[in-house]
N, C-alpha and C. Protein backbone atom coordinates (compact mmCIF):
# COMPACT_ATOMS: atom_id res chain seq x y z
N MET A 1 -13.02 13.16 14.09
CA MET A 1 -12.42 11.91 13.64
C MET A 1 -12.28 11.93 12.14
N THR A 2 -11.16 11.75 11.53
CA THR A 2 -11.03 11.77 10.12
C THR A 2 -11.59 10.58 9.59
N GLU A 3 -11.80 10.65 8.24
CA GLU A 3 -12.40 9.45 7.58
C GLU A 3 -11.40 8.34 7.46
N PHE A 4 -10.07 8.67 7.38
CA PHE A 4 -9.30 7.57 7.43
C PHE A 4 -9.20 6.95 8.71
N ALA A 5 -9.23 7.71 9.96
CA ALA A 5 -9.40 7.07 11.13
C ALA A 5 -10.45 6.32 11.51
N LYS A 6 -11.63 6.62 10.88
CA LYS A 6 -12.74 5.86 10.92
C LYS A 6 -12.61 4.52 10.29
N MET A 7 -11.94 4.63 9.11
CA MET A 7 -11.69 3.41 8.33
C MET A 7 -10.96 2.41 9.10
N LEU A 8 -9.74 2.90 9.65
CA LEU A 8 -8.90 2.05 10.47
C LEU A 8 -9.54 1.46 11.76
N ALA A 9 -10.59 2.15 12.18
CA ALA A 9 -11.21 1.66 13.46
C ALA A 9 -12.48 0.75 13.00
N GLY A 10 -12.53 0.56 11.73
CA GLY A 10 -13.63 -0.38 11.21
C GLY A 10 -14.95 0.19 11.32
N GLU A 11 -15.00 1.63 11.49
CA GLU A 11 -16.29 2.26 11.45
C GLU A 11 -16.69 2.60 9.99
N GLU A 12 -17.93 3.05 9.83
CA GLU A 12 -18.44 3.43 8.60
C GLU A 12 -17.74 4.76 8.16
N PHE A 13 -17.26 4.96 6.96
CA PHE A 13 -16.51 6.22 6.62
C PHE A 13 -16.84 6.41 5.11
N ASP A 14 -16.60 7.66 4.67
CA ASP A 14 -16.89 8.26 3.40
C ASP A 14 -15.69 7.86 2.52
N GLY A 15 -15.74 6.87 1.62
CA GLY A 15 -14.69 6.65 0.70
C GLY A 15 -14.54 7.57 -0.47
N GLY A 16 -15.45 8.62 -0.46
CA GLY A 16 -15.16 9.71 -1.50
C GLY A 16 -14.47 10.93 -0.79
N ALA A 17 -14.12 10.74 0.42
CA ALA A 17 -13.59 11.96 1.17
C ALA A 17 -12.19 12.11 0.54
N GLU A 18 -11.73 13.50 0.55
CA GLU A 18 -10.52 13.98 -0.15
C GLU A 18 -9.38 13.17 0.26
N GLY A 19 -9.15 12.91 1.65
CA GLY A 19 -8.02 12.14 2.05
C GLY A 19 -7.94 10.77 1.79
N ILE A 20 -9.22 10.18 1.64
CA ILE A 20 -9.19 8.73 1.24
C ILE A 20 -8.96 8.52 -0.29
N ILE A 21 -9.47 9.60 -1.05
CA ILE A 21 -9.16 9.72 -2.41
C ILE A 21 -7.66 9.76 -2.78
N LYS A 22 -6.92 10.64 -2.10
CA LYS A 22 -5.52 10.78 -2.30
C LYS A 22 -4.86 9.55 -1.85
N ILE A 23 -5.13 8.99 -0.77
CA ILE A 23 -4.49 7.56 -0.45
C ILE A 23 -4.62 6.58 -1.55
N ARG A 24 -5.86 6.57 -2.04
CA ARG A 24 -6.17 5.45 -3.10
C ARG A 24 -5.43 5.77 -4.37
N GLU A 25 -5.27 7.13 -4.70
CA GLU A 25 -4.55 7.52 -5.92
C GLU A 25 -3.24 7.11 -5.81
N ASN A 26 -2.47 7.55 -4.55
CA ASN A 26 -1.17 7.36 -4.43
C ASN A 26 -0.83 5.85 -4.50
N ALA A 27 -1.66 4.98 -3.88
CA ALA A 27 -1.35 3.64 -3.92
C ALA A 27 -1.51 3.19 -5.47
N SER A 28 -2.47 3.61 -6.10
CA SER A 28 -2.57 3.17 -7.58
C SER A 28 -1.47 3.60 -8.31
N SER A 29 -0.84 4.78 -8.24
CA SER A 29 0.36 5.41 -8.94
C SER A 29 1.62 4.40 -8.55
N LEU A 30 1.73 4.18 -7.27
CA LEU A 30 2.84 3.15 -6.82
C LEU A 30 2.80 1.87 -7.53
N LEU A 31 1.60 1.48 -7.43
CA LEU A 31 1.28 0.01 -8.10
C LEU A 31 1.59 -0.06 -9.50
N GLN A 32 1.17 1.04 -10.23
CA GLN A 32 1.47 1.19 -11.72
C GLN A 32 2.92 1.23 -11.98
N ALA A 33 3.59 2.07 -11.15
CA ALA A 33 5.29 2.18 -11.22
C ALA A 33 5.87 0.86 -10.87
N ILE A 34 5.42 0.12 -9.99
CA ILE A 34 5.95 -1.26 -9.70
C ILE A 34 5.77 -2.17 -10.75
N ASN A 35 4.63 -2.14 -11.49
CA ASN A 35 4.28 -3.12 -12.48
C ASN A 35 5.02 -2.71 -13.79
N GLN A 36 5.42 -1.47 -13.98
CA GLN A 36 6.06 -1.08 -15.18
C GLN A 36 7.61 -1.19 -14.99
N ASN A 37 8.17 -1.41 -13.69
CA ASN A 37 9.56 -1.23 -13.51
C ASN A 37 10.18 -2.70 -13.55
N THR A 38 11.32 -2.91 -14.03
CA THR A 38 12.02 -4.25 -14.07
C THR A 38 13.27 -4.18 -13.22
N ASP A 39 13.61 -3.13 -12.82
CA ASP A 39 14.66 -2.94 -11.97
C ASP A 39 14.55 -3.32 -10.52
N GLU A 40 15.17 -4.46 -9.90
CA GLU A 40 14.78 -4.97 -8.65
C GLU A 40 14.85 -3.93 -7.49
N THR A 41 16.17 -3.24 -7.63
CA THR A 41 16.20 -2.21 -6.56
C THR A 41 15.19 -1.16 -6.61
N GLN A 42 14.88 -0.71 -7.70
CA GLN A 42 13.69 0.45 -7.80
C GLN A 42 12.34 -0.13 -7.50
N ARG A 43 12.10 -1.34 -7.81
CA ARG A 43 10.88 -2.04 -7.37
C ARG A 43 10.81 -2.14 -5.83
N HIS A 44 11.91 -2.59 -5.25
CA HIS A 44 11.87 -2.75 -3.77
C HIS A 44 11.71 -1.44 -3.12
N GLU A 45 12.24 -0.26 -3.62
CA GLU A 45 12.05 0.90 -3.08
C GLU A 45 10.51 1.42 -3.24
N LEU A 46 9.93 1.19 -4.37
CA LEU A 46 8.60 1.46 -4.59
C LEU A 46 7.65 0.56 -3.54
N PHE A 47 8.02 -0.69 -3.53
CA PHE A 47 7.22 -1.52 -2.49
C PHE A 47 7.28 -1.02 -1.15
N GLN A 48 8.53 -0.51 -0.65
CA GLN A 48 8.67 0.10 0.59
C GLN A 48 7.77 1.24 0.76
N GLN A 49 7.72 2.13 -0.29
CA GLN A 49 6.95 3.33 -0.14
C GLN A 49 5.44 2.84 -0.13
N LEU A 50 5.07 1.81 -0.81
CA LEU A 50 3.64 1.30 -0.71
C LEU A 50 3.31 0.58 0.57
N LEU A 51 4.27 -0.24 0.91
CA LEU A 51 3.84 -1.04 2.29
C LEU A 51 4.40 -0.45 3.35
N GLY A 52 5.37 0.51 3.47
CA GLY A 52 5.77 1.08 4.78
C GLY A 52 7.01 0.36 5.32
N SER A 53 6.88 -1.07 5.36
CA SER A 53 8.03 -1.81 5.74
C SER A 53 7.99 -3.23 5.05
N ILE A 54 9.10 -3.73 4.85
CA ILE A 54 9.14 -4.97 4.14
C ILE A 54 9.94 -6.06 4.98
N ALA A 55 9.11 -7.14 5.64
CA ALA A 55 9.80 -8.02 6.56
C ALA A 55 10.25 -9.21 5.76
N ASP A 56 10.43 -10.21 6.40
CA ASP A 56 11.14 -11.54 5.90
C ASP A 56 10.20 -12.57 5.56
N ARG A 57 9.05 -12.27 4.92
CA ARG A 57 8.08 -13.39 4.59
C ARG A 57 7.37 -13.04 3.37
N ARG A 58 6.57 -13.91 2.77
CA ARG A 58 6.09 -13.73 1.51
C ARG A 58 4.67 -13.12 1.36
N TYR A 59 3.96 -13.10 2.42
CA TYR A 59 2.70 -12.74 2.33
C TYR A 59 2.44 -11.35 2.86
N PHE A 60 1.46 -10.53 2.29
CA PHE A 60 1.02 -9.31 2.92
C PHE A 60 -0.30 -9.11 3.13
N LEU A 61 -0.75 -8.15 4.00
CA LEU A 61 -2.18 -7.84 4.29
C LEU A 61 -2.56 -6.48 3.91
N CYS A 62 -3.33 -6.18 3.01
CA CYS A 62 -3.82 -4.91 2.69
C CYS A 62 -5.11 -4.50 3.25
N LEU A 63 -5.00 -3.45 3.97
CA LEU A 63 -6.37 -2.79 4.46
C LEU A 63 -6.77 -1.56 3.77
N HIS A 64 -7.43 -1.78 2.66
CA HIS A 64 -7.94 -0.56 1.86
C HIS A 64 -6.85 0.19 1.26
N SER A 65 -5.89 -0.51 0.81
CA SER A 65 -4.83 0.23 0.03
C SER A 65 -4.17 1.39 0.67
N ALA A 66 -4.27 1.63 1.94
CA ALA A 66 -3.68 2.69 2.51
C ALA A 66 -2.68 2.29 3.65
N TYR A 67 -3.08 1.25 4.35
CA TYR A 67 -2.27 0.84 5.58
C TYR A 67 -1.97 -0.70 5.38
N ILE A 68 -0.68 -0.83 4.88
CA ILE A 68 -0.39 -2.08 4.35
C ILE A 68 0.74 -2.71 5.15
N ALA A 69 0.65 -3.96 5.80
CA ALA A 69 1.84 -4.55 6.54
C ALA A 69 2.33 -5.71 5.68
N SER A 70 3.60 -5.63 5.48
CA SER A 70 4.21 -6.65 4.56
C SER A 70 4.93 -7.64 5.22
N PHE A 71 4.97 -8.85 4.76
CA PHE A 71 5.57 -9.93 5.26
C PHE A 71 6.36 -10.61 3.92
N THR A 72 7.22 -9.87 3.34
CA THR A 72 7.82 -10.32 1.90
C THR A 72 9.16 -10.73 2.00
N ARG A 73 9.41 -11.95 1.58
CA ARG A 73 10.80 -12.49 1.41
C ARG A 73 11.45 -12.04 0.15
N SER A 74 10.75 -12.28 -1.03
CA SER A 74 11.25 -12.07 -2.28
C SER A 74 10.26 -11.28 -3.05
N LEU A 75 10.28 -9.95 -3.17
CA LEU A 75 9.32 -9.07 -3.84
C LEU A 75 9.17 -9.52 -5.33
N ASN A 76 10.12 -9.89 -6.05
CA ASN A 76 10.11 -10.17 -7.40
C ASN A 76 9.44 -11.54 -7.70
N ARG A 77 9.22 -12.43 -6.65
CA ARG A 77 8.45 -13.57 -6.86
C ARG A 77 7.20 -13.56 -6.36
N CYS A 78 6.47 -12.37 -5.73
CA CYS A 78 5.21 -12.31 -5.31
C CYS A 78 4.18 -12.31 -6.63
C-alpha cells in the first residue's frame, strides 16, 4: 500500500515519502500561481488543476493538500 493510499484511508503514513512530497510541492506551486494571478480565466484553470473539479457552491474540503473536493460558486470571492 502506498503512503498516499494509507493517508486517504486514515492510516498512519510517512509524510516525508517521495510521493507525498511531490503532491505537497505541486499543491504549493499551484497555490502560489493562483495567488499571483489576476486573470479570472487562468485562476479558474489553476483552481481546477488544484481541486480536480469545481462545483456550484462556495466551500471546499481539503484533505492534506492532495485530494480536494470543491464546492465553489465564485472562485474570485473565496
